[in-house]
Amino acid sequence: MLRAIGDMFRAVGGAVATVVTLPFRLVARLFGGASDTAHGRH
């Protein structure tokens, strides 16, 4: 019983972490690409 609850919390936590970090990853990728083109790096 406790293991099932723990797995449920782990699954929910993983989903929440993915949803929360996804926008930051997109923003970081956008700013990273912009700074790379601005500095002329490949």
C-alpha atoms as a PDB file:
ATOM      1  CA  MET A   1       0.000   0.000   0.000  1.00  0.00           C
ATOM      2  CA  LEU A   2       2.681   2.498   0.994  1.00  0.00           C
ATOM      3  CA  ARG A   3       4.757   1.505  -2.036  1.00  0.00           C
ATOM      4  CA  ALA A   4       1.809   2.172  -4.351  1.00  0.00           C
ATOM      5  CA  ILE A   5       1.326   5.609  -2.794  1.00  0.00           C
ATOM      6  CA  GLY A   6       5.053   6.325  -3.098  1.00  0.00           C
ATOM      7  CA  ASP A   7       5.036   5.317  -6.765  1.00  0.00           C
ATOM      8  CA  MET A   8       2.015   7.534  -7.369  1.00  0.00           C
ATOM      9  CA  PHE A   9       3.721  10.532  -5.751  1.00  0.00           C
ATOM     10  CA  ARG A  10       6.882   9.810  -7.725  1.00  0.00           C
ATOM     11  CA  ALA A  11       4.949   9.708 -11.003  1.00  0.00           C
ATOM     12  CA  VAL A  12       3.079  12.921 -10.186  1.00  0.00           C
ATOM     13  CA  GLY A  13       6.311  14.611  -9.085  1.00  0.00           C
ATOM     14  CA  GLY A  14       8.035  13.602 -12.307  1.00  0.00           C
ATOM     15  CA  ALA A  15       5.154  14.941 -14.410  1.00  0.00           C
ATOM     16  CA  VAL A  16       5.085  18.213 -12.475  1.00  0.00           C
ATOM     17  CA  ALA A  17       8.860  18.591 -12.767  1.00  0.00           C
ATOM     18  CA  THR A  18       8.655  18.030 -16.536  1.00  0.00           C
ATOM     19  CA  VAL A  19       5.867  20.577 -16.970  1.00  0.00           C
ATOM     20  CA  VAL A  20       7.662  23.129 -14.775  1.00  0.00           C
ATOM     21  CA  THR A  21      11.101  22.761 -16.367  1.00  0.00           C
ATOM     22  CA  LEU A  22       9.883  22.559 -19.978  1.00  0.00           C
ATOM     23  CA  PRO A  23       9.200  26.325 -20.412  1.00  0.00           C
ATOM     24  CA  PHE A  24      12.562  27.158 -18.806  1.00  0.00           C
ATOM     25  CA  ARG A  25      14.320  24.762 -21.197  1.00  0.00           C
ATOM     26  CA  LEU A  26      12.578  26.373 -24.178  1.00  0.00           C
ATOM     27  CA  VAL A  27      13.495  29.873 -22.966  1.00  0.00           C
ATOM     28  CA  ALA A  28      17.080  28.786 -22.292  1.00  0.00           C
ATOM     29  CA  ARG A  29      17.276  27.285 -25.781  1.00  0.00           C
ATOM     30  CA  LEU A  30      15.893  30.471 -27.341  1.00  0.00           C
ATOM     31  CA  PHE A  31      18.271  32.740 -25.408  1.00  0.00           C
ATOM     32  CA  GLY A  32      21.145  30.301 -25.965  1.00  0.00           C
ATOM     33  CA  GLY A  33      20.581  30.329 -29.731  1.00  0.00           C
ATOM     34  CA  ALA A  34      20.215  34.121 -29.764  1.00  0.00           C
ATOM     35  CA  SER A  35      23.438  34.652 -27.803  1.00  0.00           C
ATOM     36  CA  ASP A  36      25.250  32.105 -29.985  1.00  0.00           C
ATOM     37  CA  THR A  37      24.268  33.904 -33.198  1.00  0.00           C
ATOM     38  CA  ALA A  38      25.056  37.285 -31.632  1.00  0.00           C
ATOM     39  CA  HIS A  39      28.574  36.145 -30.719  1.00  0.00           C
ATOM     40  CA  GLY A  40      29.037  34.360 -34.034  1.00  0.00           C
ATOM     41  CA  ARG A  41      29.776  30.962 -32.433  1.00  0.00           C
ATOM     42  CA  HIS A  42      28.726  27.679 -34.044  1.00  0.00           C
END
